[in-house]
Every structure is written in C-alpha cells, then in structure tokens.
Amino acid sequence: MADITLISGSTLGGAEYVAEHLAEKLEDAGFSTETLHGPLLEDLNRSGIWLLVSSTHGAGDIPDNLVPLYEAIKEEKPDLSAVRFGSIGMGSREYDTFCGAIDKIDTELMACGAQQIGETLKINVLDHDIPEDPAEIWLGSWTKLI
C-alpha cells in the first residue's frame, strides 16, 4: 500500500484532530502514514501522496502553522509533479471565504505540478459537530482513487 503524508493546518486544533483520525483509518486499511502539523517545505518528500487538512480563519486566511509552507510553495515554485494529493477544508459557510485556505493551497500545489486526487471536501463546521465523521466518509471514496 502507498505511503500517505497527512499535513494539517489548524488554528484551534480541529484540523489536527481530523488528520489524526484519518491517519488511524488509513493505517487500519493497510496504508502507512506520517502526520505533520504545520510542516516546512523541507520536511516534505517531493513525491508520493499528500493529504492536506486545513481550517480557514479570518477572511479566508491560512492557519498560522501552515503559512510558512504555503509561502515557500508560492515563492519557490518547487517541482511537485511527483506529488498526488487530496484536500479537506474546514470552515463556516456563514463567511463568503468559506474554506478559502484550502482553495489557496490547492491552487499553489497544482501550479507546481501536483495532481489532485478526487474533489476537495469542504466541511461546514456549523453542520457537523464532529468533522471527523464527514471526513471519514469522504476518505472511503478517496482511497479508491489512489
């Protein structure tokens, strides 16, 4: 089975919980995982499968712990053509910038050649007291696309 690097960006910890929950589910399914909360670009393998989980705060802002990674990707434009990735965004649909952070991250990854696997899951935290639940359902279909 494939190695999957889970990358979380979180302000209050919700995205970290989702990433850790999904890592457990992936390992139960036979995948090997590594979970990194707010890694730097140099911490990441430039090939393989990444699964990003990011909350959005403010006006579509990226969580502070993911800003260095996002800015490095945006400025350095590394070759990520050997990276395939999935994305989960978390936010409140009450804002017009709903899940704006994951949209920005997806755009930069694809601009560097990374290929997205499936559709981005956008979780409205107002509809889901436990965001791990919709993320786990999405994960079941996402892993079939790997």
N, C-alpha and C. Protein backbone atom coordinates (compact mmCIF):
# COMPACT_ATOMS: atom_id res chain seq x y z
N MET A 1 0.84 -1.19 0.00
CA MET A 1 0.00 0.00 0.00
C MET A 1 0.88 1.25 0.00
N ALA A 2 0.28 2.34 -0.38
CA ALA A 2 1.00 3.61 -0.51
C ALA A 2 1.28 4.26 0.84
N ASP A 3 2.36 5.02 0.85
CA ASP A 3 2.65 5.87 1.99
C ASP A 3 1.89 7.17 1.79
N ILE A 4 1.24 7.66 2.84
CA ILE A 4 0.48 8.90 2.74
C ILE A 4 0.96 9.85 3.83
N THR A 5 1.32 11.06 3.43
CA THR A 5 1.72 12.10 4.38
C THR A 5 0.53 12.99 4.62
N LEU A 6 0.06 13.03 5.86
CA LEU A 6 -1.04 13.91 6.22
C LEU A 6 -0.45 15.22 6.74
N ILE A 7 -0.95 16.32 6.22
CA ILE A 7 -0.46 17.65 6.55
C ILE A 7 -1.64 18.44 7.10
N SER A 8 -1.52 18.92 8.33
CA SER A 8 -2.65 19.68 8.88
C SER A 8 -2.24 21.11 9.18
N GLY A 9 -3.21 21.98 8.98
CA GLY A 9 -3.07 23.38 9.34
C GLY A 9 -4.27 23.76 10.16
N SER A 10 -4.02 24.21 11.39
CA SER A 10 -5.13 24.42 12.31
C SER A 10 -4.88 25.61 13.20
N THR A 11 -5.95 26.33 13.52
CA THR A 11 -5.86 27.44 14.45
C THR A 11 -6.29 26.97 15.84
N LEU A 12 -7.38 26.23 15.92
CA LEU A 12 -7.90 25.79 17.21
C LEU A 12 -7.76 24.29 17.44
N GLY A 13 -7.18 23.57 16.50
CA GLY A 13 -6.93 22.14 16.68
C GLY A 13 -7.87 21.21 15.94
N GLY A 14 -8.95 21.71 15.37
CA GLY A 14 -9.91 20.85 14.69
C GLY A 14 -9.32 20.08 13.53
N ALA A 15 -8.54 20.75 12.69
CA ALA A 15 -7.94 20.08 11.54
C ALA A 15 -6.91 19.03 11.98
N GLU A 16 -6.22 19.30 13.08
CA GLU A 16 -5.28 18.31 13.61
C GLU A 16 -6.01 17.05 14.03
N TYR A 17 -7.15 17.21 14.71
CA TYR A 17 -7.93 16.04 15.13
C TYR A 17 -8.41 15.24 13.93
N VAL A 18 -8.88 15.94 12.90
CA VAL A 18 -9.34 15.25 11.70
C VAL A 18 -8.18 14.49 11.05
N ALA A 19 -7.02 15.13 10.91
CA ALA A 19 -5.86 14.47 10.30
C ALA A 19 -5.45 13.23 11.08
N GLU A 20 -5.42 13.33 12.40
CA GLU A 20 -5.03 12.18 13.23
C GLU A 20 -6.05 11.05 13.11
N HIS A 21 -7.32 11.40 13.06
CA HIS A 21 -8.37 10.39 12.91
C HIS A 21 -8.23 9.68 11.56
N LEU A 22 -8.00 10.45 10.52
CA LEU A 22 -7.86 9.86 9.18
C LEU A 22 -6.61 9.00 9.08
N ALA A 23 -5.55 9.40 9.76
CA ALA A 23 -4.33 8.58 9.77
C ALA A 23 -4.62 7.21 10.37
N GLU A 24 -5.39 7.17 11.45
CA GLU A 24 -5.76 5.89 12.06
C GLU A 24 -6.57 5.04 11.08
N LYS A 25 -7.52 5.66 10.41
CA LYS A 25 -8.37 4.93 9.45
C LYS A 25 -7.54 4.41 8.28
N LEU A 26 -6.61 5.23 7.80
CA LEU A 26 -5.74 4.80 6.70
C LEU A 26 -4.87 3.62 7.12
N GLU A 27 -4.31 3.69 8.33
CA GLU A 27 -3.47 2.59 8.81
C GLU A 27 -4.30 1.32 8.99
N ASP A 28 -5.54 1.46 9.48
CA ASP A 28 -6.43 0.30 9.61
C ASP A 28 -6.68 -0.34 8.25
N ALA A 29 -6.65 0.48 7.19
CA ALA A 29 -6.90 -0.02 5.83
C ALA A 29 -5.62 -0.52 5.15
N GLY A 30 -4.49 -0.47 5.86
CA GLY A 30 -3.25 -1.02 5.32
C GLY A 30 -2.27 -0.01 4.75
N PHE A 31 -2.59 1.26 4.82
CA PHE A 31 -1.67 2.30 4.35
C PHE A 31 -0.69 2.64 5.47
N SER A 32 0.48 3.12 5.08
CA SER A 32 1.40 3.66 6.08
C SER A 32 1.27 5.18 6.02
N THR A 33 1.33 5.82 7.17
CA THR A 33 1.11 7.27 7.22
C THR A 33 2.16 7.97 8.06
N GLU A 34 2.29 9.25 7.78
CA GLU A 34 3.06 10.16 8.62
C GLU A 34 2.19 11.41 8.74
N THR A 35 1.99 11.89 9.95
CA THR A 35 1.16 13.07 10.16
C THR A 35 2.05 14.22 10.63
N LEU A 36 1.96 15.34 9.90
CA LEU A 36 2.77 16.52 10.21
C LEU A 36 1.84 17.72 10.40
N HIS A 37 1.96 18.36 11.54
CA HIS A 37 1.15 19.54 11.83
C HIS A 37 1.98 20.78 11.55
N GLY A 38 1.65 21.46 10.45
CA GLY A 38 2.38 22.67 10.08
C GLY A 38 3.81 22.44 9.68
N PRO A 39 4.09 21.50 8.75
CA PRO A 39 5.48 21.24 8.36
C PRO A 39 6.04 22.36 7.48
N LEU A 40 7.35 22.39 7.40
CA LEU A 40 8.03 23.28 6.46
C LEU A 40 8.21 22.52 5.15
N LEU A 41 8.45 23.22 4.07
CA LEU A 41 8.62 22.58 2.76
C LEU A 41 9.75 21.56 2.79
N GLU A 42 10.84 21.90 3.47
CA GLU A 42 11.98 20.97 3.51
C GLU A 42 11.69 19.70 4.31
N ASP A 43 10.60 19.69 5.08
CA ASP A 43 10.21 18.50 5.84
C ASP A 43 9.47 17.48 4.99
N LEU A 44 9.07 17.89 3.79
CA LEU A 44 8.19 17.04 2.98
C LEU A 44 8.93 16.36 1.84
N ASN A 45 8.53 15.12 1.58
CA ASN A 45 9.02 14.39 0.42
C ASN A 45 8.38 15.00 -0.82
N ARG A 46 9.14 15.25 -1.84
CA ARG A 46 8.63 15.89 -3.06
C ARG A 46 8.00 14.89 -4.02
N SER A 47 7.67 13.73 -3.51
CA SER A 47 6.96 12.73 -4.29
C SER A 47 6.03 11.97 -3.35
N GLY A 48 5.11 11.23 -3.94
CA GLY A 48 4.19 10.44 -3.12
C GLY A 48 2.83 11.09 -2.99
N ILE A 49 2.12 10.70 -1.94
CA ILE A 49 0.75 11.15 -1.73
C ILE A 49 0.67 12.00 -0.47
N TRP A 50 0.11 13.18 -0.63
CA TRP A 50 -0.13 14.08 0.49
C TRP A 50 -1.64 14.19 0.69
N LEU A 51 -2.06 14.26 1.93
CA LEU A 51 -3.45 14.54 2.27
C LEU A 51 -3.44 15.75 3.18
N LEU A 52 -3.98 16.86 2.67
CA LEU A 52 -3.99 18.11 3.42
C LEU A 52 -5.33 18.32 4.10
N VAL A 53 -5.27 18.75 5.36
CA VAL A 53 -6.47 19.10 6.12
C VAL A 53 -6.21 20.47 6.71
N SER A 54 -7.02 21.45 6.31
CA SER A 54 -6.78 22.81 6.78
C SER A 54 -8.08 23.51 7.17
N SER A 55 -8.02 24.18 8.28
CA SER A 55 -9.12 25.06 8.66
C SER A 55 -8.89 26.39 7.96
N THR A 56 -9.89 27.24 8.02
CA THR A 56 -9.80 28.60 7.48
C THR A 56 -10.16 29.55 8.62
N HIS A 57 -9.43 30.62 8.75
CA HIS A 57 -9.81 31.60 9.76
C HIS A 57 -9.77 32.99 9.14
N GLY A 58 -10.35 33.94 9.84
CA GLY A 58 -10.36 35.31 9.32
C GLY A 58 -11.07 35.37 7.98
N ALA A 59 -10.53 36.15 7.09
CA ALA A 59 -11.12 36.34 5.76
C ALA A 59 -10.49 35.37 4.76
N GLY A 60 -10.69 34.07 5.00
CA GLY A 60 -10.14 33.05 4.11
C GLY A 60 -8.66 32.81 4.33
N ASP A 61 -8.19 33.12 5.55
CA ASP A 61 -6.76 33.03 5.84
C ASP A 61 -6.31 31.62 6.15
N ILE A 62 -5.06 31.36 5.80
CA ILE A 62 -4.42 30.08 6.08
C ILE A 62 -3.99 30.09 7.55
N PRO A 63 -4.16 28.97 8.25
CA PRO A 63 -3.73 28.91 9.65
C PRO A 63 -2.24 29.26 9.80
N ASP A 64 -1.91 29.92 10.90
CA ASP A 64 -0.53 30.37 11.13
C ASP A 64 0.49 29.26 10.96
N ASN A 65 0.16 28.02 11.40
CA ASN A 65 1.16 26.96 11.33
C ASN A 65 1.38 26.43 9.91
N LEU A 66 0.53 26.82 8.94
CA LEU A 66 0.73 26.41 7.55
C LEU A 66 1.25 27.55 6.68
N VAL A 67 1.28 28.76 7.21
CA VAL A 67 1.72 29.91 6.42
C VAL A 67 3.14 29.73 5.88
N PRO A 68 4.11 29.28 6.69
CA PRO A 68 5.47 29.11 6.13
C PRO A 68 5.51 28.13 4.96
N LEU A 69 4.79 27.03 5.04
CA LEU A 69 4.75 26.06 3.94
C LEU A 69 4.09 26.69 2.71
N TYR A 70 2.95 27.32 2.90
CA TYR A 70 2.24 27.94 1.79
C TYR A 70 3.10 29.00 1.10
N GLU A 71 3.74 29.85 1.89
CA GLU A 71 4.56 30.91 1.31
C GLU A 71 5.77 30.35 0.58
N ALA A 72 6.38 29.28 1.12
CA ALA A 72 7.53 28.66 0.45
C ALA A 72 7.11 28.07 -0.90
N ILE A 73 5.97 27.41 -0.94
CA ILE A 73 5.49 26.83 -2.20
C ILE A 73 5.20 27.95 -3.20
N LYS A 74 4.56 29.01 -2.72
CA LYS A 74 4.19 30.12 -3.60
C LYS A 74 5.41 30.85 -4.15
N GLU A 75 6.42 31.04 -3.30
CA GLU A 75 7.61 31.80 -3.71
C GLU A 75 8.63 30.95 -4.46
N GLU A 76 8.89 29.73 -3.98
CA GLU A 76 9.95 28.90 -4.56
C GLU A 76 9.48 28.12 -5.79
N LYS A 77 8.18 27.90 -5.92
CA LYS A 77 7.63 27.12 -7.03
C LYS A 77 8.40 25.81 -7.23
N PRO A 78 8.46 24.97 -6.18
CA PRO A 78 9.19 23.70 -6.32
C PRO A 78 8.49 22.77 -7.32
N ASP A 79 9.24 21.85 -7.88
CA ASP A 79 8.67 20.86 -8.78
C ASP A 79 7.94 19.81 -7.93
N LEU A 80 6.63 19.83 -7.98
CA LEU A 80 5.83 18.87 -7.22
C LEU A 80 5.09 17.92 -8.16
N SER A 81 5.63 17.73 -9.36
CA SER A 81 4.96 16.89 -10.34
C SER A 81 4.89 15.42 -9.92
N ALA A 82 5.69 15.02 -8.95
CA ALA A 82 5.64 13.65 -8.46
C ALA A 82 4.75 13.51 -7.22
N VAL A 83 4.03 14.59 -6.89
CA VAL A 83 3.11 14.58 -5.75
C VAL A 83 1.68 14.46 -6.24
N ARG A 84 0.94 13.55 -5.62
CA ARG A 84 -0.50 13.47 -5.81
C ARG A 84 -1.11 13.82 -4.46
N PHE A 85 -2.24 14.53 -4.45
CA PHE A 85 -2.75 14.99 -3.17
C PHE A 85 -4.27 15.01 -3.11
N GLY A 86 -4.76 14.94 -1.88
CA GLY A 86 -6.17 15.13 -1.58
C GLY A 86 -6.28 16.27 -0.59
N SER A 87 -7.46 16.89 -0.53
CA SER A 87 -7.63 18.07 0.31
C SER A 87 -8.95 18.06 1.05
N ILE A 88 -8.86 18.48 2.30
CA ILE A 88 -10.06 18.68 3.12
C ILE A 88 -9.96 20.06 3.74
N GLY A 89 -10.98 20.87 3.52
CA GLY A 89 -11.05 22.19 4.12
C GLY A 89 -12.14 22.23 5.16
N MET A 90 -11.92 23.03 6.19
CA MET A 90 -12.91 23.19 7.25
C MET A 90 -13.15 24.68 7.46
N GLY A 91 -14.41 25.03 7.63
CA GLY A 91 -14.75 26.42 7.85
C GLY A 91 -16.23 26.60 8.09
N SER A 92 -16.65 27.84 8.15
CA SER A 92 -18.05 28.18 8.37
C SER A 92 -18.62 28.77 7.09
N ARG A 93 -19.73 28.20 6.64
CA ARG A 93 -20.38 28.67 5.42
C ARG A 93 -21.00 30.05 5.62
N GLU A 94 -21.02 30.55 6.86
CA GLU A 94 -21.53 31.90 7.11
C GLU A 94 -20.63 32.96 6.48
N TYR A 95 -19.41 32.58 6.13
CA TYR A 95 -18.46 33.53 5.55
C TYR A 95 -18.36 33.30 4.04
N ASP A 96 -18.21 34.39 3.30
CA ASP A 96 -18.07 34.25 1.85
C ASP A 96 -16.72 33.68 1.46
N THR A 97 -15.81 33.58 2.41
CA THR A 97 -14.49 32.97 2.17
C THR A 97 -14.45 31.54 2.72
N PHE A 98 -15.60 30.88 2.72
CA PHE A 98 -15.73 29.51 3.22
C PHE A 98 -14.65 28.62 2.62
N CYS A 99 -13.85 28.01 3.47
CA CYS A 99 -12.77 27.10 3.07
C CYS A 99 -11.78 27.77 2.12
N GLY A 100 -11.60 29.07 2.27
CA GLY A 100 -10.68 29.82 1.42
C GLY A 100 -9.24 29.36 1.53
N ALA A 101 -8.84 28.90 2.72
CA ALA A 101 -7.45 28.48 2.90
C ALA A 101 -7.13 27.27 2.03
N ILE A 102 -7.97 26.26 2.04
CA ILE A 102 -7.66 25.05 1.26
C ILE A 102 -7.72 25.36 -0.23
N ASP A 103 -8.59 26.29 -0.64
CA ASP A 103 -8.62 26.68 -2.05
C ASP A 103 -7.28 27.30 -2.47
N LYS A 104 -6.72 28.16 -1.62
CA LYS A 104 -5.43 28.79 -1.92
C LYS A 104 -4.32 27.74 -1.99
N ILE A 105 -4.32 26.82 -1.05
CA ILE A 105 -3.28 25.79 -1.01
C ILE A 105 -3.38 24.89 -2.24
N ASP A 106 -4.60 24.45 -2.57
CA ASP A 106 -4.80 23.61 -3.77
C ASP A 106 -4.26 24.30 -5.01
N THR A 107 -4.57 25.58 -5.16
CA THR A 107 -4.14 26.35 -6.34
C THR A 107 -2.63 26.36 -6.46
N GLU A 108 -1.93 26.61 -5.35
CA GLU A 108 -0.46 26.66 -5.39
C GLU A 108 0.14 25.29 -5.66
N LEU A 109 -0.42 24.24 -5.06
CA LEU A 109 0.10 22.89 -5.32
C LEU A 109 -0.03 22.54 -6.80
N MET A 110 -1.18 22.81 -7.38
CA MET A 110 -1.38 22.49 -8.80
C MET A 110 -0.50 23.36 -9.70
N ALA A 111 -0.24 24.60 -9.29
CA ALA A 111 0.65 25.47 -10.06
C ALA A 111 2.07 24.92 -10.09
N CYS A 112 2.42 24.09 -9.11
CA CYS A 112 3.76 23.48 -9.04
C CYS A 112 3.76 22.07 -9.63
N GLY A 113 2.66 21.68 -10.26
CA GLY A 113 2.62 20.40 -10.95
C GLY A 113 2.01 19.25 -10.18
N ALA A 114 1.62 19.45 -8.92
CA ALA A 114 1.00 18.38 -8.14
C ALA A 114 -0.36 18.05 -8.75
N GLN A 115 -0.73 16.79 -8.70
CA GLN A 115 -2.00 16.35 -9.28
C GLN A 115 -2.98 16.00 -8.17
N GLN A 116 -4.16 16.60 -8.23
CA GLN A 116 -5.16 16.35 -7.21
C GLN A 116 -5.87 15.03 -7.47
N ILE A 117 -6.09 14.31 -6.39
CA ILE A 117 -6.84 13.05 -6.43
C ILE A 117 -8.24 13.37 -5.93
N GLY A 118 -9.24 13.23 -6.78
CA GLY A 118 -10.61 13.47 -6.36
C GLY A 118 -10.92 14.94 -6.13
N GLU A 119 -12.07 15.17 -5.53
CA GLU A 119 -12.55 16.52 -5.24
C GLU A 119 -12.16 16.92 -3.82
N THR A 120 -12.01 18.21 -3.60
CA THR A 120 -11.75 18.73 -2.26
C THR A 120 -13.03 18.61 -1.44
N LEU A 121 -12.89 18.07 -0.24
CA LEU A 121 -14.00 18.03 0.70
C LEU A 121 -14.01 19.33 1.47
N LYS A 122 -15.16 19.99 1.53
CA LYS A 122 -15.30 21.22 2.31
C LYS A 122 -16.34 20.97 3.39
N ILE A 123 -15.87 21.01 4.63
CA ILE A 123 -16.72 20.72 5.77
C ILE A 123 -17.19 22.02 6.41
N ASN A 124 -18.51 22.18 6.47
CA ASN A 124 -19.10 23.31 7.17
C ASN A 124 -19.20 22.91 8.65
N VAL A 125 -18.38 23.51 9.49
CA VAL A 125 -18.34 23.11 10.89
C VAL A 125 -19.65 23.41 11.62
N LEU A 126 -20.50 24.25 11.06
CA LEU A 126 -21.80 24.53 11.67
C LEU A 126 -22.77 23.36 11.47
N ASP A 127 -22.53 22.56 10.44
CA ASP A 127 -23.38 21.40 10.16
C ASP A 127 -22.88 20.12 10.81
N HIS A 128 -21.63 20.12 11.24
CA HIS A 128 -21.02 18.89 11.76
C HIS A 128 -20.30 19.17 13.08
N ASP A 129 -20.92 18.73 14.18
CA ASP A 129 -20.28 18.88 15.49
C ASP A 129 -18.98 18.08 15.53
N ILE A 130 -18.95 16.98 14.81
CA ILE A 130 -17.76 16.12 14.76
C ILE A 130 -17.30 16.06 13.31
N PRO A 131 -16.36 16.95 12.90
CA PRO A 131 -15.94 16.99 11.50
C PRO A 131 -15.23 15.72 11.03
N GLU A 132 -14.80 14.90 11.98
CA GLU A 132 -14.18 13.63 11.61
C GLU A 132 -15.16 12.73 10.85
N ASP A 133 -16.47 12.87 11.15
CA ASP A 133 -17.46 11.99 10.52
C ASP A 133 -17.54 12.19 9.00
N PRO A 134 -17.79 13.42 8.50
CA PRO A 134 -17.82 13.56 7.03
C PRO A 134 -16.46 13.30 6.40
N ALA A 135 -15.38 13.60 7.12
CA ALA A 135 -14.05 13.35 6.59
C ALA A 135 -13.81 11.84 6.40
N GLU A 136 -14.28 11.05 7.36
CA GLU A 136 -14.10 9.60 7.26
C GLU A 136 -14.91 9.03 6.10
N ILE A 137 -16.13 9.53 5.89
CA ILE A 137 -16.95 9.08 4.76
C ILE A 137 -16.24 9.41 3.44
N TRP A 138 -15.74 10.65 3.33
CA TRP A 138 -15.02 11.09 2.12
C TRP A 138 -13.78 10.22 1.90
N LEU A 139 -13.07 9.90 2.98
CA LEU A 139 -11.84 9.12 2.88
C LEU A 139 -12.09 7.77 2.23
N GLY A 140 -13.23 7.16 2.54
CA GLY A 140 -13.56 5.86 1.96
C GLY A 140 -13.60 5.89 0.44
N SER A 141 -14.16 6.94 -0.13
CA SER A 141 -14.19 7.04 -1.60
C SER A 141 -12.87 7.55 -2.15
N TRP A 142 -12.17 8.40 -1.41
CA TRP A 142 -10.89 8.96 -1.86
C TRP A 142 -9.83 7.87 -2.03
N THR A 143 -9.77 6.95 -1.07
CA THR A 143 -8.74 5.91 -1.14
C THR A 143 -8.93 5.00 -2.35
N LYS A 144 -10.14 4.90 -2.85
CA LYS A 144 -10.38 4.07 -4.05
C LYS A 144 -9.78 4.72 -5.31
N LEU A 145 -9.49 6.02 -5.24
CA LEU A 145 -8.94 6.74 -6.38
C LEU A 145 -7.40 6.72 -6.43
N ILE A 146 -6.80 6.25 -5.35
CA ILE A 146 -5.33 6.26 -5.26
C ILE A 146 -4.74 5.22 -6.20
